[in-house]
Amino acid sequence: MQFSIGTVAGVIFGYAIYKGLNRIKLEYEGLYPVLISASVLFVYSATELIQGNPFLSVYIAGLVLGNQSFVHKRSNLRFLDGIAWLMQIIMFLTLGLLVYPSRIPPLFGTGIVFSLFLVFIARPIAVFVSLFRSGYNIREKLLVSWIGLRGAAPIILATFPFAQGLADSDKIFHLVFFTVLVSLLLQGTSVPQVVRWLGLDAPLEQRASYPFEFENREQSDSNLLEFIVPYGSNSAGKFVYSLNFPENSLITLIYRGDRHIVPTGKTTLEEGDVLLILTPKGSEDKIRDILSQMETTI
């Protein structure tokens, strides 16, 4: 019941925050991170009040909000990313103070058996069952099974028996801590080799960075979106003026390698270019179709 209430509350609160951010017009941009932080606390407290799972509610509200376009989104994401890293540092520092290294050696035998069971049996079974109809092939499921590192979350959960004063809570905490260490050493250090062994390695996708920000607001009739010129595209080698893009669409910037190019009508596109295009809403598919047309050879 708590999970159901938490899920529904997270969706409702997430959309409510999204609508509120786009309607409230604060005078200073710096107040929006404060508003979002206060909203998170409100979601947690309100869900707790209605007997729902507050952690799940906050998580789902974040997913809902993160997939929407709201005012000052980029600056808020940077702020929240910094807060997340700060909380992780504080969390691991606190957890380190709770660990007694002298109490770990007696758990070596049990801990190794428990860790190997989780790594090679429990998690693969859970992954294959959960992703049964996901469309992933066997190699991809094996990779998901292997890279499921157990980190801060289980250690945090292992502190709950401490808070409840349960018997053997100290043993449970140190056993979980040891399991996390084994997982990090065994799985964390071997991920690149496993990826190559499964044939799933791919070049890192380079994300474009721009010297300015643009807010795609709900009330606007245009969006500033990224489009990539695929390799082999018929658009490569053509001038900008000959692309036949939808009316009122404008290429504002071309990201090529490490360079930012302000295009003119006679700028030639190249394969792999990232185009930042200001286009009316509803024209995105036509632009993608134009850029996706491949060269034909006889």
Protein backbone atom coordinates (compact mmCIF):
# COMPACT_ATOMS: atom_id res chain seq x y z
CA MET A 1 0.00 0.00 0.00
CA GLN A 2 2.83 2.41 0.85
CA PHE A 3 4.45 1.84 -2.54
CA SER A 4 1.16 2.43 -4.37
CA ILE A 5 0.46 5.65 -2.50
CA GLY A 6 4.05 6.80 -2.97
CA THR A 7 3.93 6.15 -6.72
CA VAL A 8 0.68 8.03 -7.26
CA ALA A 9 1.77 10.88 -5.01
CA GLY A 10 5.09 11.17 -6.85
CA VAL A 11 3.41 11.48 -10.23
CA ILE A 12 0.88 14.04 -8.99
CA PHE A 13 3.43 16.14 -7.09
CA GLY A 14 5.91 15.94 -9.98
CA TYR A 15 3.43 17.43 -12.44
CA ALA A 16 2.29 19.96 -9.86
CA ILE A 17 5.87 21.20 -9.37
CA TYR A 18 6.38 21.33 -13.14
CA LYS A 19 3.25 23.44 -13.65
CA GLY A 20 4.09 25.65 -10.69
CA LEU A 21 7.64 26.39 -11.88
CA ASN A 22 6.38 27.52 -15.28
CA ARG A 23 3.63 29.70 -13.80
CA ILE A 24 5.48 31.35 -10.93
CA LYS A 25 7.59 34.28 -12.10
CA LEU A 26 10.27 34.91 -9.51
CA GLU A 27 12.37 38.04 -9.77
CA TYR A 28 15.71 36.30 -9.20
CA GLU A 29 16.90 33.15 -10.95
CA GLY A 30 18.68 32.03 -7.77
CA LEU A 31 15.35 31.56 -6.01
CA TYR A 32 14.29 28.68 -8.28
CA PRO A 33 16.72 26.15 -6.72
CA VAL A 34 15.36 27.20 -3.31
CA LEU A 35 11.81 26.64 -4.56
CA ILE A 36 12.67 23.18 -5.92
CA SER A 37 14.44 22.21 -2.69
CA ALA A 38 11.43 23.31 -0.66
CA SER A 39 9.16 21.35 -3.02
CA VAL A 40 11.21 18.19 -2.40
CA LEU A 41 10.79 18.56 1.35
CA PHE A 42 7.07 19.18 0.88
CA VAL A 43 6.67 16.05 -1.28
CA TYR A 44 8.47 13.95 1.34
CA SER A 45 6.43 15.33 4.25
CA ALA A 46 3.08 15.20 2.46
CA THR A 47 3.61 11.61 1.34
CA GLU A 48 4.66 10.59 4.84
CA LEU A 49 1.50 12.25 6.17
CA ILE A 50 -0.78 10.21 3.89
CA GLN A 51 1.00 6.95 4.84
CA GLY A 52 2.87 6.59 1.54
CA ASN A 53 6.51 5.79 0.87
CA PRO A 54 8.19 9.22 0.89
CA PHE A 55 11.47 8.06 -0.69
CA LEU A 56 9.66 6.53 -3.66
CA SER A 57 7.44 9.59 -3.99
CA VAL A 58 10.38 12.01 -4.14
CA TYR A 59 12.19 9.75 -6.62
CA ILE A 60 9.22 9.52 -8.99
CA ALA A 61 8.48 13.23 -8.67
CA GLY A 62 12.08 13.87 -9.74
CA LEU A 63 11.69 11.58 -12.75
CA VAL A 64 8.51 13.34 -13.81
CA LEU A 65 10.00 16.81 -13.38
CA GLY A 66 13.27 15.88 -15.08
CA ASN A 67 11.47 14.77 -18.23
CA GLN A 68 9.62 18.08 -18.57
CA SER A 69 10.77 21.44 -19.86
CA PHE A 70 10.63 24.08 -17.14
CA VAL A 71 12.09 27.50 -16.53
CA HIS A 72 15.84 27.71 -15.77
CA LYS A 73 16.15 23.94 -16.09
CA ARG A 74 19.87 23.85 -16.88
CA SER A 75 20.92 26.10 -14.02
CA ASN A 76 18.71 24.13 -11.63
CA LEU A 77 20.21 20.84 -12.81
CA ARG A 78 23.70 22.16 -12.15
CA PHE A 79 22.70 23.25 -8.66
CA LEU A 80 21.04 19.92 -7.86
CA ASP A 81 23.99 17.99 -9.28
CA GLY A 82 26.31 19.86 -6.93
CA ILE A 83 24.02 19.18 -3.98
CA ALA A 84 23.90 15.47 -4.91
CA TRP A 85 27.70 15.22 -4.90
CA LEU A 86 27.90 17.07 -1.58
CA MET A 87 25.35 14.70 -0.02
CA GLN A 88 27.26 11.66 -1.30
CA ILE A 89 30.48 12.96 0.28
CA ILE A 90 28.72 13.56 3.60
CA MET A 91 26.97 10.19 3.42
CA PHE A 92 30.13 8.17 2.82
CA LEU A 93 31.98 10.14 5.47
CA THR A 94 29.24 9.36 7.99
CA LEU A 95 29.12 5.69 6.98
CA GLY A 96 32.88 5.44 7.32
CA LEU A 97 32.59 6.60 10.91
CA LEU A 98 30.14 3.76 11.65
CA VAL A 99 32.46 1.00 10.41
CA TYR A 100 34.81 -0.87 12.73
CA PRO A 101 37.48 -2.59 10.56
CA SER A 102 38.26 -5.03 13.39
CA ARG A 103 34.74 -6.48 13.13
CA ILE A 104 35.01 -7.32 9.42
CA PRO A 105 37.59 -10.21 9.41
CA PRO A 106 35.31 -12.62 11.34
CA LEU A 107 32.75 -12.15 8.54
CA PHE A 108 35.11 -13.05 5.67
CA GLY A 109 33.73 -16.56 5.11
CA THR A 110 30.06 -15.64 5.31
CA GLY A 111 30.63 -12.39 3.43
CA ILE A 112 32.40 -14.01 0.47
CA VAL A 113 29.73 -16.69 0.09
CA PHE A 114 26.98 -14.08 0.37
CA SER A 115 28.72 -11.77 -2.14
CA LEU A 116 29.31 -14.51 -4.73
CA PHE A 117 25.70 -15.62 -4.41
CA LEU A 118 24.47 -12.11 -5.09
CA VAL A 119 26.88 -11.51 -7.98
CA PHE A 120 26.54 -14.79 -9.86
CA ILE A 121 23.07 -16.09 -8.92
CA ALA A 122 20.64 -13.66 -7.30
CA ARG A 123 21.18 -10.58 -9.46
CA PRO A 124 21.35 -12.42 -12.85
CA ILE A 125 18.09 -14.22 -12.05
CA ALA A 126 16.44 -10.94 -11.00
CA VAL A 127 17.69 -9.14 -14.13
CA PHE A 128 16.60 -11.85 -16.57
CA VAL A 129 13.16 -12.07 -14.95
CA SER A 130 12.71 -8.28 -14.85
CA LEU A 131 13.88 -7.81 -18.46
CA PHE A 132 12.09 -10.85 -19.87
CA ARG A 133 10.09 -8.81 -22.39
CA SER A 134 12.34 -5.78 -22.60
CA GLY A 135 13.81 -6.46 -26.04
CA TYR A 136 17.37 -6.71 -24.71
CA ASN A 137 19.43 -9.62 -26.02
CA ILE A 138 21.28 -12.08 -23.78
CA ARG A 139 24.58 -10.20 -23.93
CA GLU A 140 22.94 -6.94 -22.87
CA LYS A 141 21.15 -8.67 -20.00
CA LEU A 142 24.43 -10.22 -18.87
CA LEU A 143 26.01 -6.78 -18.87
CA VAL A 144 23.18 -5.34 -16.80
CA SER A 145 23.63 -8.24 -14.39
CA TRP A 146 27.33 -7.60 -14.04
CA ILE A 147 27.40 -3.81 -13.67
CA GLY A 148 24.76 -3.68 -10.96
CA LEU A 149 27.14 -2.37 -8.35
CA ARG A 150 25.77 -2.29 -4.82
CA GLY A 151 26.87 1.00 -3.29
CA ALA A 152 25.48 3.53 -0.87
CA ALA A 153 21.81 2.46 -0.97
CA PRO A 154 22.24 -0.98 0.69
CA ILE A 155 24.61 0.47 3.26
CA ILE A 156 22.05 3.14 4.13
CA LEU A 157 19.35 0.48 4.39
CA ALA A 158 21.64 -1.57 6.62
CA THR A 159 21.62 1.26 9.14
CA PHE A 160 17.86 0.85 9.67
CA PRO A 161 18.30 -2.14 12.02
CA PHE A 162 20.59 0.14 14.08
CA ALA A 163 17.83 2.71 14.35
CA GLN A 164 15.30 0.04 15.40
CA GLY A 165 17.65 -1.54 17.93
CA LEU A 166 17.34 -5.02 16.42
CA ALA A 167 19.51 -7.91 17.54
CA ASP A 168 22.68 -8.49 15.46
CA SER A 169 22.18 -5.11 13.75
CA ASP A 170 25.92 -4.47 13.99
CA LYS A 171 26.69 -7.79 12.27
CA ILE A 172 24.17 -7.06 9.51
CA PHE A 173 25.69 -3.65 8.85
CA HIS A 174 29.27 -4.92 8.59
CA LEU A 175 28.19 -7.87 6.44
CA VAL A 176 26.50 -5.52 3.98
CA PHE A 177 29.52 -3.22 4.03
CA PHE A 178 31.85 -6.15 3.24
CA THR A 179 29.55 -7.29 0.41
CA VAL A 180 29.67 -3.82 -1.12
CA LEU A 181 33.47 -3.85 -1.00
CA VAL A 182 33.62 -7.25 -2.73
CA SER A 183 31.19 -6.07 -5.39
CA LEU A 184 33.19 -2.92 -6.06
CA LEU A 185 36.49 -4.80 -6.27
CA LEU A 186 35.18 -7.70 -8.37
CA GLN A 187 32.65 -6.01 -10.64
CA GLY A 188 33.77 -2.40 -10.58
CA THR A 189 37.32 -3.12 -11.74
CA SER A 190 36.28 -5.59 -14.46
CA VAL A 191 33.49 -3.67 -16.20
CA PRO A 192 35.62 -2.54 -19.21
CA GLN A 193 36.89 -6.09 -19.81
CA VAL A 194 33.38 -7.59 -19.52
CA VAL A 195 31.99 -4.99 -21.95
CA ARG A 196 34.66 -5.87 -24.51
CA TRP A 197 34.19 -9.59 -23.93
CA LEU A 198 30.46 -9.27 -24.61
CA GLY A 199 31.12 -7.16 -27.71
CA LEU A 200 29.10 -4.21 -26.42
CA ASP A 201 31.83 -1.56 -26.35
CA ALA A 202 31.08 1.63 -28.28
CA PRO A 203 32.78 5.02 -28.64
CA LEU A 204 31.80 7.60 -26.07
CA GLU A 205 29.16 9.95 -27.45
CA GLN A 206 30.42 13.51 -27.25
CA ARG A 207 27.79 15.89 -25.95
CA ALA A 208 27.74 19.37 -27.39
CA SER A 209 28.32 22.30 -25.07
CA TYR A 210 27.19 25.78 -25.99
CA PRO A 211 28.28 29.25 -24.90
CA PHE A 212 24.68 30.22 -24.09
CA GLU A 213 21.44 28.79 -22.71
CA PHE A 214 17.95 28.74 -24.14
CA GLU A 215 14.79 27.89 -22.25
CA ASN A 216 12.18 25.85 -24.10
CA ARG A 217 9.08 27.21 -22.39
CA GLU A 218 5.68 25.63 -22.53
CA GLN A 219 4.07 28.87 -23.71
CA SER A 220 6.53 29.31 -26.61
CA ASP A 221 5.61 28.21 -30.13
CA SER A 222 9.25 27.34 -30.94
CA ASN A 223 11.91 25.02 -29.54
CA LEU A 224 15.70 25.11 -29.71
CA LEU A 225 16.72 21.52 -30.37
CA GLU A 226 19.80 19.48 -31.28
CA PHE A 227 19.95 17.51 -34.52
CA ILE A 228 22.87 15.37 -35.71
CA VAL A 229 23.92 15.01 -39.34
CA PRO A 230 24.29 11.20 -39.62
CA TYR A 231 27.27 9.64 -41.35
CA GLY A 232 26.29 8.94 -44.95
CA SER A 233 23.53 11.55 -44.86
CA ASN A 234 22.55 13.16 -48.13
CA SER A 235 22.69 16.52 -46.32
CA ALA A 236 26.46 16.27 -45.78
CA GLY A 237 28.31 18.43 -48.29
CA LYS A 238 25.31 20.64 -48.97
CA PHE A 239 24.95 24.34 -48.31
CA VAL A 240 22.60 25.39 -45.53
CA TYR A 241 20.35 27.33 -47.91
CA SER A 242 19.67 24.18 -50.00
CA LEU A 243 18.39 21.97 -47.16
CA ASN A 244 14.69 22.76 -47.64
CA PHE A 245 14.01 22.92 -43.91
CA PRO A 246 10.49 23.89 -42.71
CA GLU A 247 9.65 27.57 -42.91
CA ASN A 248 10.85 29.70 -39.97
CA SER A 249 13.44 27.08 -38.99
CA LEU A 250 16.86 28.57 -38.30
CA ILE A 251 20.22 26.89 -37.72
CA THR A 252 21.63 29.06 -34.95
CA LEU A 253 24.85 27.18 -34.28
CA ILE A 254 26.86 24.23 -35.60
CA TYR A 255 28.94 22.20 -33.16
CA ARG A 256 31.80 20.56 -35.12
CA GLY A 257 34.41 18.80 -33.03
CA ASP A 258 35.51 21.40 -30.49
CA ARG A 259 34.44 24.35 -32.61
CA HIS A 260 31.30 26.47 -32.56
CA ILE A 261 30.33 27.72 -36.02
CA VAL A 262 27.79 30.47 -36.63
CA PRO A 263 26.38 29.39 -40.00
CA THR A 264 25.46 31.40 -43.06
CA GLY A 265 23.51 30.28 -46.09
CA LYS A 266 26.73 29.11 -47.75
CA THR A 267 28.01 27.09 -44.81
CA THR A 268 28.60 23.47 -45.81
CA LEU A 269 27.41 20.71 -43.49
CA GLU A 270 29.66 17.80 -42.62
CA GLU A 271 28.94 14.32 -41.30
CA GLY A 272 28.71 14.27 -37.51
CA ASP A 273 27.80 17.95 -37.21
CA VAL A 274 25.49 18.79 -34.32
CA LEU A 275 23.01 21.44 -35.41
CA LEU A 276 21.27 23.69 -32.90
CA ILE A 277 18.05 24.62 -34.68
CA LEU A 278 15.32 27.02 -33.63
CA THR A 279 12.20 25.53 -35.13
CA PRO A 280 8.41 25.83 -34.73
CA LYS A 281 6.85 23.11 -32.62
CA GLY A 282 5.74 20.18 -34.74
CA SER A 283 8.51 20.59 -37.34
CA GLU A 284 11.05 18.36 -35.60
CA ASP A 285 10.14 15.16 -37.46
CA LYS A 286 10.47 16.80 -40.87
CA ILE A 287 13.95 18.09 -40.02
CA ARG A 288 14.99 14.63 -38.82
CA ASP A 289 13.64 13.08 -42.03
CA ILE A 290 15.66 15.52 -44.16
CA LEU A 291 18.87 14.90 -42.26
CA SER A 292 18.31 11.12 -42.22
CA GLN A 293 18.04 10.78 -46.00
CA MET A 294 21.02 8.71 -47.06
CA GLU A 295 23.09 8.93 -50.20
CA THR A 296 22.22 6.37 -52.85
CA THR A 297 24.90 4.81 -55.01
CA ILE A 298 24.38 3.05 -58.33
